């Protein structure tokens, strides 16, 4: 059970910070990660409040730096005096580590089940959404690229991260991401279909 006072803090003080981030990491993203993490967490013996808070705070470091945002999120969590109203020092450390460990490109596995659940929830592998977020990120961060430049960047990112042999690995057995990842890999292999989706997204977001 998540205490109402904690919910109020997260909803009023934490999640609104996502409004300042890029289009792929807005408030709806934070709420979706929370929902998915809590849903998967039902299969494990976990502290629901710790998982809830880690999921809600996982991307706060984007306010500081994109490349190291996972580490910055951990720093922000540890420095948040308000969290000590609900959590012990050990629990705050678990929350911080889960945020630090959520990044898909991490070379080592998460240090706890909380990190695994947040990382898996953050992936949200819905094929068209993944492609849209990739294009949106490119538009936000590489405005100097023309359309073909964004297409090449999209191809490179999708292959590096999601294709067979990419760095993304699923962390939770029976993850709801298993089937969507298979579907996404089929689209990545089919350049004609991928280009149709890219064109649609690019035109709608430009």
C-alpha atoms as a PDB file:
ATOM      1  CA  UNK A   1       0.000   0.000   0.000  1.00  0.00           C
ATOM      2  CA  UNK A   2       1.349   3.391  -1.009  1.00  0.00           C
ATOM      3  CA  UNK A   3       0.699   6.139   1.515  1.00  0.00           C
ATOM      4  CA  UNK A   4      -1.383   9.050   0.284  1.00  0.00           C
ATOM      5  CA  UNK A   5       1.170  11.587   1.518  1.00  0.00           C
ATOM      6  CA  UNK A   6       3.860   9.950  -0.628  1.00  0.00           C
ATOM      7  CA  UNK A   7       1.542   9.836  -3.631  1.00  0.00           C
ATOM      8  CA  UNK A   8       0.783  13.517  -3.200  1.00  0.00           C
ATOM      9  CA  UNK A   9       4.485  14.398  -3.103  1.00  0.00           C
ATOM     10  CA  UNK A  10       5.289  12.320  -6.175  1.00  0.00           C
ATOM     11  CA  UNK A  11       2.307  13.613  -8.163  1.00  0.00           C
ATOM     12  CA  UNK A  12       2.676  17.272  -7.184  1.00  0.00           C
ATOM     13  CA  UNK A  13       6.438  17.717  -6.818  1.00  0.00           C
ATOM     14  CA  UNK A  14       8.243  14.961  -8.741  1.00  0.00           C
ATOM     15  CA  UNK A  15       6.363  14.014 -11.891  1.00  0.00           C
ATOM     16  CA  UNK A  16       5.732  17.645 -12.947  1.00  0.00           C
ATOM     17  CA  UNK A  17       9.508  18.023 -13.410  1.00  0.00           C
ATOM     18  CA  UNK A  18       9.236  15.776 -16.481  1.00  0.00           C
ATOM     19  CA  UNK A  19       7.290  18.526 -18.294  1.00  0.00           C
ATOM     20  CA  UNK A  20      10.614  20.252 -19.011  1.00  0.00           C
ATOM     21  CA  UNK A  21      12.237  17.214 -20.657  1.00  0.00           C
ATOM     22  CA  UNK A  22      12.263  16.146 -24.310  1.00  0.00           C
ATOM     23  CA  UNK A  23       9.080  14.809 -25.914  1.00  0.00           C
ATOM     24  CA  UNK A  24      10.008  11.179 -25.253  1.00  0.00           C
ATOM     25  CA  UNK A  25      10.412  11.775 -21.507  1.00  0.00           C
ATOM     26  CA  UNK A  26       7.430  13.846 -20.447  1.00  0.00           C
ATOM     27  CA  UNK A  27       5.000  13.289 -17.573  1.00  0.00           C
ATOM     28  CA  UNK A  28       3.105  10.558 -19.407  1.00  0.00           C
ATOM     29  CA  UNK A  29       6.360   8.612 -19.703  1.00  0.00           C
ATOM     30  CA  UNK A  30       6.990   8.793 -15.955  1.00  0.00           C
ATOM     31  CA  UNK A  31       3.456   7.648 -15.143  1.00  0.00           C
ATOM     32  CA  UNK A  32       3.655   4.770 -17.617  1.00  0.00           C
ATOM     33  CA  UNK A  33       6.930   3.543 -16.124  1.00  0.00           C
ATOM     34  CA  UNK A  34       5.377   3.670 -12.650  1.00  0.00           C
ATOM     35  CA  UNK A  35       2.322   1.713 -13.780  1.00  0.00           C
ATOM     36  CA  UNK A  36       4.323  -0.950 -15.600  1.00  0.00           C
ATOM     37  CA  UNK A  37       6.864  -1.371 -12.783  1.00  0.00           C
ATOM     38  CA  UNK A  38       4.134  -1.823 -10.167  1.00  0.00           C
ATOM     39  CA  UNK A  39       2.309  -4.307 -12.395  1.00  0.00           C
ATOM     40  CA  UNK A  40       5.405  -6.474 -12.915  1.00  0.00           C
ATOM     41  CA  UNK A  41       6.357  -6.039  -9.256  1.00  0.00           C
ATOM     42  CA  UNK A  42       3.257  -7.934  -8.135  1.00  0.00           C
ATOM     43  CA  UNK A  43       5.084 -11.159  -8.962  1.00  0.00           C
ATOM     44  CA  UNK A  44       7.882 -10.359  -6.492  1.00  0.00           C
ATOM     45  CA  UNK A  45       8.287  -9.833  -2.767  1.00  0.00           C
ATOM     46  CA  UNK A  46       9.071  -6.128  -2.913  1.00  0.00           C
ATOM     47  CA  UNK A  47       8.394  -2.899  -1.045  1.00  0.00           C
ATOM     48  CA  UNK A  48       5.775  -1.255  -3.255  1.00  0.00           C
ATOM     49  CA  UNK A  49       6.595   2.259  -2.064  1.00  0.00           C
ATOM     50  CA  UNK A  50      10.290   1.838  -2.839  1.00  0.00           C
ATOM     51  CA  UNK A  51       9.484   0.590  -6.346  1.00  0.00           C
ATOM     52  CA  UNK A  52       6.895   3.332  -6.907  1.00  0.00           C
ATOM     53  CA  UNK A  53       9.341   6.061  -5.930  1.00  0.00           C
ATOM     54  CA  UNK A  54      12.248   4.622  -7.927  1.00  0.00           C
ATOM     55  CA  UNK A  55      10.073   4.422 -11.038  1.00  0.00           C
ATOM     56  CA  UNK A  56       8.754   7.954 -10.573  1.00  0.00           C
ATOM     57  CA  UNK A  57      12.252   9.412 -10.051  1.00  0.00           C
ATOM     58  CA  UNK A  58      14.225   7.343 -12.552  1.00  0.00           C
ATOM     59  CA  UNK A  59      14.719  10.094 -15.164  1.00  0.00           C
ATOM     60  CA  UNK A  60      14.991  13.194 -12.970  1.00  0.00           C
ATOM     61  CA  UNK A  61      18.655  13.493 -13.903  1.00  0.00           C
ATOM     62  CA  UNK A  62      17.647  14.617 -17.397  1.00  0.00           C
ATOM     63  CA  UNK A  63      17.422  18.065 -15.850  1.00  0.00           C
ATOM     64  CA  UNK A  64      21.206  17.971 -15.490  1.00  0.00           C
ATOM     65  CA  UNK A  65      22.703  15.895 -18.300  1.00  0.00           C
ATOM     66  CA  UNK A  66      21.339  13.427 -20.843  1.00  0.00           C
ATOM     67  CA  UNK A  67      24.391  11.181 -21.074  1.00  0.00           C
ATOM     68  CA  UNK A  68      24.746  10.669 -17.310  1.00  0.00           C
ATOM     69  CA  UNK A  69      21.111  11.233 -16.380  1.00  0.00           C
ATOM     70  CA  UNK A  70      20.824   7.867 -14.621  1.00  0.00           C
ATOM     71  CA  UNK A  71      23.669   8.786 -12.265  1.00  0.00           C
ATOM     72  CA  UNK A  72      22.298  12.291 -11.790  1.00  0.00           C
ATOM     73  CA  UNK A  73      18.925  10.769 -10.901  1.00  0.00           C
ATOM     74  CA  UNK A  74      20.604   8.803  -8.126  1.00  0.00           C
ATOM     75  CA  UNK A  75      22.272  11.949  -6.836  1.00  0.00           C
ATOM     76  CA  UNK A  76      18.980  13.857  -6.854  1.00  0.00           C
ATOM     77  CA  UNK A  77      17.231  11.065  -4.961  1.00  0.00           C
ATOM     78  CA  UNK A  78      19.925  10.895  -2.284  1.00  0.00           C
ATOM     79  CA  UNK A  79      19.781  14.677  -1.857  1.00  0.00           C
ATOM     80  CA  UNK A  80      15.991  14.846  -1.576  1.00  0.00           C
ATOM     81  CA  UNK A  81      15.317  15.543   2.102  1.00  0.00           C
ATOM     82  CA  UNK A  82      11.571  15.106   1.640  1.00  0.00           C
ATOM     83  CA  UNK A  83      12.004  11.421   0.830  1.00  0.00           C
ATOM     84  CA  UNK A  84      13.298  10.885   4.356  1.00  0.00           C
ATOM     85  CA  UNK A  85       9.771  11.489   5.595  1.00  0.00           C
ATOM     86  CA  UNK A  86       8.847   8.070   4.195  1.00  0.00           C
ATOM     87  CA  UNK A  87      12.090   6.120   3.804  1.00  0.00           C
ATOM     88  CA  UNK A  88      15.122   5.021   5.774  1.00  0.00           C
ATOM     89  CA  UNK A  89      18.648   5.706   4.543  1.00  0.00           C
ATOM     90  CA  UNK A  90      18.876   2.112   3.294  1.00  0.00           C
ATOM     91  CA  UNK A  91      15.619   2.420   1.368  1.00  0.00           C
ATOM     92  CA  UNK A  92      16.714   5.684  -0.209  1.00  0.00           C
ATOM     93  CA  UNK A  93      19.931   4.032  -1.315  1.00  0.00           C
ATOM     94  CA  UNK A  94      17.922   1.217  -2.914  1.00  0.00           C
ATOM     95  CA  UNK A  95      15.747   3.776  -4.722  1.00  0.00           C
ATOM     96  CA  UNK A  96      18.816   5.690  -5.915  1.00  0.00           C
ATOM     97  CA  UNK A  97      20.565   2.545  -7.136  1.00  0.00           C
ATOM     98  CA  UNK A  98      17.447   1.447  -9.029  1.00  0.00           C
ATOM     99  CA  UNK A  99      17.402   4.788 -10.845  1.00  0.00           C
ATOM    100  CA  UNK A 100      21.125   4.550 -11.576  1.00  0.00           C
ATOM    101  CA  UNK A 101      20.734   1.003 -12.923  1.00  0.00           C
ATOM    102  CA  UNK A 102      17.779   1.576 -15.264  1.00  0.00           C
ATOM    103  CA  UNK A 103      19.745   2.634 -18.331  1.00  0.00           C
ATOM    104  CA  UNK A 104      19.465   0.061 -21.141  1.00  0.00           C
ATOM    105  CA  UNK A 105      23.061   0.616 -22.257  1.00  0.00           C
ATOM    106  CA  UNK A 106      24.471  -0.315 -18.846  1.00  0.00           C
ATOM    107  CA  UNK A 107      27.266  -2.879 -19.089  1.00  0.00           C
ATOM    108  CA  UNK A 108      26.417  -4.498 -15.745  1.00  0.00           C
ATOM    109  CA  UNK A 109      23.056  -5.844 -14.533  1.00  0.00           C
ATOM    110  CA  UNK A 110      20.960  -3.905 -11.979  1.00  0.00           C
ATOM    111  CA  UNK A 111      21.973  -4.409  -8.372  1.00  0.00           C
ATOM    112  CA  UNK A 112      18.480  -5.302  -7.156  1.00  0.00           C
ATOM    113  CA  UNK A 113      15.080  -6.462  -8.315  1.00  0.00           C
ATOM    114  CA  UNK A 114      13.989  -2.813  -8.074  1.00  0.00           C
ATOM    115  CA  UNK A 115      16.520  -1.822 -10.714  1.00  0.00           C
ATOM    116  CA  UNK A 116      15.446  -4.739 -12.911  1.00  0.00           C
ATOM    117  CA  UNK A 117      11.782  -3.775 -12.649  1.00  0.00           C
ATOM    118  CA  UNK A 118      12.370  -0.071 -13.327  1.00  0.00           C
ATOM    119  CA  UNK A 119      14.680  -0.835 -16.251  1.00  0.00           C
ATOM    120  CA  UNK A 120      12.205  -3.275 -17.781  1.00  0.00           C
ATOM    121  CA  UNK A 121       9.272  -0.896 -17.247  1.00  0.00           C
ATOM    122  CA  UNK A 122      11.250   1.958 -18.814  1.00  0.00           C
ATOM    123  CA  UNK A 123      11.728   0.005 -22.033  1.00  0.00           C
ATOM    124  CA  UNK A 124       8.054   0.075 -22.999  1.00  0.00           C
ATOM    125  CA  UNK A 125       8.684  -1.726 -26.248  1.00  0.00           C
ATOM    126  CA  UNK A 126       5.755  -0.803 -28.466  1.00  0.00           C
ATOM    127  CA  UNK A 127       7.235  -0.786 -31.987  1.00  0.00           C
ATOM    128  CA  UNK A 128       5.700   2.382 -33.426  1.00  0.00           C
ATOM    129  CA  UNK A 129       6.182   4.238 -30.125  1.00  0.00           C
ATOM    130  CA  UNK A 130       9.865   3.257 -30.062  1.00  0.00           C
ATOM    131  CA  UNK A 131      10.329   4.538 -33.598  1.00  0.00           C
ATOM    132  CA  UNK A 132       8.420   7.743 -32.803  1.00  0.00           C
ATOM    133  CA  UNK A 133      10.494   8.379 -29.677  1.00  0.00           C
ATOM    134  CA  UNK A 134      13.693   7.810 -31.667  1.00  0.00           C
ATOM    135  CA  UNK A 135      12.639  10.358 -34.267  1.00  0.00           C
ATOM    136  CA  UNK A 136      11.432  12.825 -31.624  1.00  0.00           C
ATOM    137  CA  UNK A 137      14.713  12.595 -29.758  1.00  0.00           C
ATOM    138  CA  UNK A 138      16.585  13.296 -32.968  1.00  0.00           C
ATOM    139  CA  UNK A 139      14.418  16.313 -33.757  1.00  0.00           C
ATOM    140  CA  UNK A 140      14.959  17.697 -30.256  1.00  0.00           C
ATOM    141  CA  UNK A 141      18.702  17.108 -30.050  1.00  0.00           C
ATOM    142  CA  UNK A 142      19.948  17.247 -33.674  1.00  0.00           C
ATOM    143  CA  UNK A 143      17.975  20.099 -35.287  1.00  0.00           C
ATOM    144  CA  UNK A 144      20.760  20.646 -37.809  1.00  0.00           C
ATOM    145  CA  UNK A 145      20.018  17.327 -39.561  1.00  0.00           C
ATOM    146  CA  UNK A 146      17.814  17.206 -42.640  1.00  0.00           C
ATOM    147  CA  UNK A 147      15.225  14.471 -43.128  1.00  0.00           C
ATOM    148  CA  UNK A 148      17.678  11.968 -44.588  1.00  0.00           C
ATOM    149  CA  UNK A 149      20.072  12.687 -41.756  1.00  0.00           C
ATOM    150  CA  UNK A 150      17.334  11.864 -39.250  1.00  0.00           C
ATOM    151  CA  UNK A 151      16.529   8.678 -41.187  1.00  0.00           C
ATOM    152  CA  UNK A 152      20.150   7.519 -40.995  1.00  0.00           C
ATOM    153  CA  UNK A 153      20.302   8.395 -37.282  1.00  0.00           C
ATOM    154  CA  UNK A 154      17.068   6.470 -36.666  1.00  0.00           C
ATOM    155  CA  UNK A 155      18.411   3.403 -38.484  1.00  0.00           C
ATOM    156  CA  UNK A 156      21.684   3.531 -36.565  1.00  0.00           C
ATOM    157  CA  UNK A 157      20.012   3.867 -33.174  1.00  0.00           C
ATOM    158  CA  UNK A 158      17.397   1.153 -33.737  1.00  0.00           C
ATOM    159  CA  UNK A 159      20.009  -1.321 -34.943  1.00  0.00           C
ATOM    160  CA  UNK A 160      22.467  -0.510 -32.177  1.00  0.00           C
ATOM    161  CA  UNK A 161      19.876  -0.858 -29.417  1.00  0.00           C
ATOM    162  CA  UNK A 162      16.969  -3.069 -30.484  1.00  0.00           C
ATOM    163  CA  UNK A 163      18.052  -5.345 -33.344  1.00  0.00           C
ATOM    164  CA  UNK A 164      19.378  -8.850 -32.792  1.00  0.00           C
ATOM    165  CA  UNK A 165      22.778  -8.391 -31.167  1.00  0.00           C
ATOM    166  CA  UNK A 166      21.846  -4.923 -29.895  1.00  0.00           C
ATOM    167  CA  UNK A 167      22.698  -3.826 -26.409  1.00  0.00           C
ATOM    168  CA  UNK A 168      19.161  -4.000 -25.020  1.00  0.00           C
ATOM    169  CA  UNK A 169      18.482  -7.165 -23.035  1.00  0.00           C
ATOM    170  CA  UNK A 170      15.264  -8.071 -21.238  1.00  0.00           C
ATOM    171  CA  UNK A 171      15.660  -8.491 -17.477  1.00  0.00           C
ATOM    172  CA  UNK A 172      12.386  -9.980 -16.243  1.00  0.00           C
ATOM    173  CA  UNK A 173      11.332 -13.537 -17.239  1.00  0.00           C
ATOM    174  CA  UNK A 174       8.026 -13.440 -19.048  1.00  0.00           C
ATOM    175  CA  UNK A 175       8.368  -9.698 -19.578  1.00  0.00           C
ATOM    176  CA  UNK A 176       5.520  -8.058 -21.512  1.00  0.00           C
ATOM    177  CA  UNK A 177       8.286  -6.674 -23.730  1.00  0.00           C
ATOM    178  CA  UNK A 178       9.139 -10.078 -25.249  1.00  0.00           C
ATOM    179  CA  UNK A 179       6.566 -10.143 -28.053  1.00  0.00           C
ATOM    180  CA  UNK A 180       6.765  -6.412 -28.879  1.00  0.00           C
ATOM    181  CA  UNK A 181      10.567  -6.704 -29.159  1.00  0.00           C
ATOM    182  CA  UNK A 182      10.156  -9.542 -31.643  1.00  0.00           C
ATOM    183  CA  UNK A 183       7.731  -7.392 -33.668  1.00  0.00           C
ATOM    184  CA  UNK A 184      10.071  -4.401 -33.564  1.00  0.00           C
ATOM    185  CA  UNK A 185      12.961  -6.519 -34.821  1.00  0.00           C
ATOM    186  CA  UNK A 186      10.837  -7.633 -37.769  1.00  0.00           C
ATOM    187  CA  UNK A 187      10.148  -3.991 -38.656  1.00  0.00           C
ATOM    188  CA  UNK A 188      13.837  -3.068 -38.336  1.00  0.00           C
ATOM    189  CA  UNK A 189      14.696  -5.820 -40.820  1.00  0.00           C
ATOM    190  CA  UNK A 190      12.026  -4.545 -43.250  1.00  0.00           C
ATOM    191  CA  UNK A 191      13.428  -1.182 -44.367  1.00  0.00           C
ATOM    192  CA  UNK A 192      10.426  -0.431 -46.555  1.00  0.00           C
ATOM    193  CA  UNK A 193       7.972  -0.769 -43.676  1.00  0.00           C
ATOM    194  CA  UNK A 194      10.306   1.075 -41.316  1.00  0.00           C
ATOM    195  CA  UNK A 195      10.652   3.945 -43.788  1.00  0.00           C
ATOM    196  CA  UNK A 196       6.857   4.272 -44.037  1.00  0.00           C
ATOM    197  CA  UNK A 197       6.582   4.612 -40.250  1.00  0.00           C
ATOM    198  CA  UNK A 198       9.520   7.023 -40.130  1.00  0.00           C
ATOM    199  CA  UNK A 199       8.009   9.246 -42.853  1.00  0.00           C
ATOM    200  CA  UNK A 200       4.663   9.373 -41.051  1.00  0.00           C
ATOM    201  CA  UNK A 201       6.236  10.267 -37.712  1.00  0.00           C
ATOM    202  CA  UNK A 202       8.657  12.779 -39.198  1.00  0.00           C
ATOM    203  CA  UNK A 203       5.947  14.662 -41.073  1.00  0.00           C
ATOM    204  CA  UNK A 204       3.618  14.765 -38.046  1.00  0.00           C
ATOM    205  CA  UNK A 205       6.309  16.056 -35.652  1.00  0.00           C
ATOM    206  CA  UNK A 206       8.020  18.603 -37.895  1.00  0.00           C
END
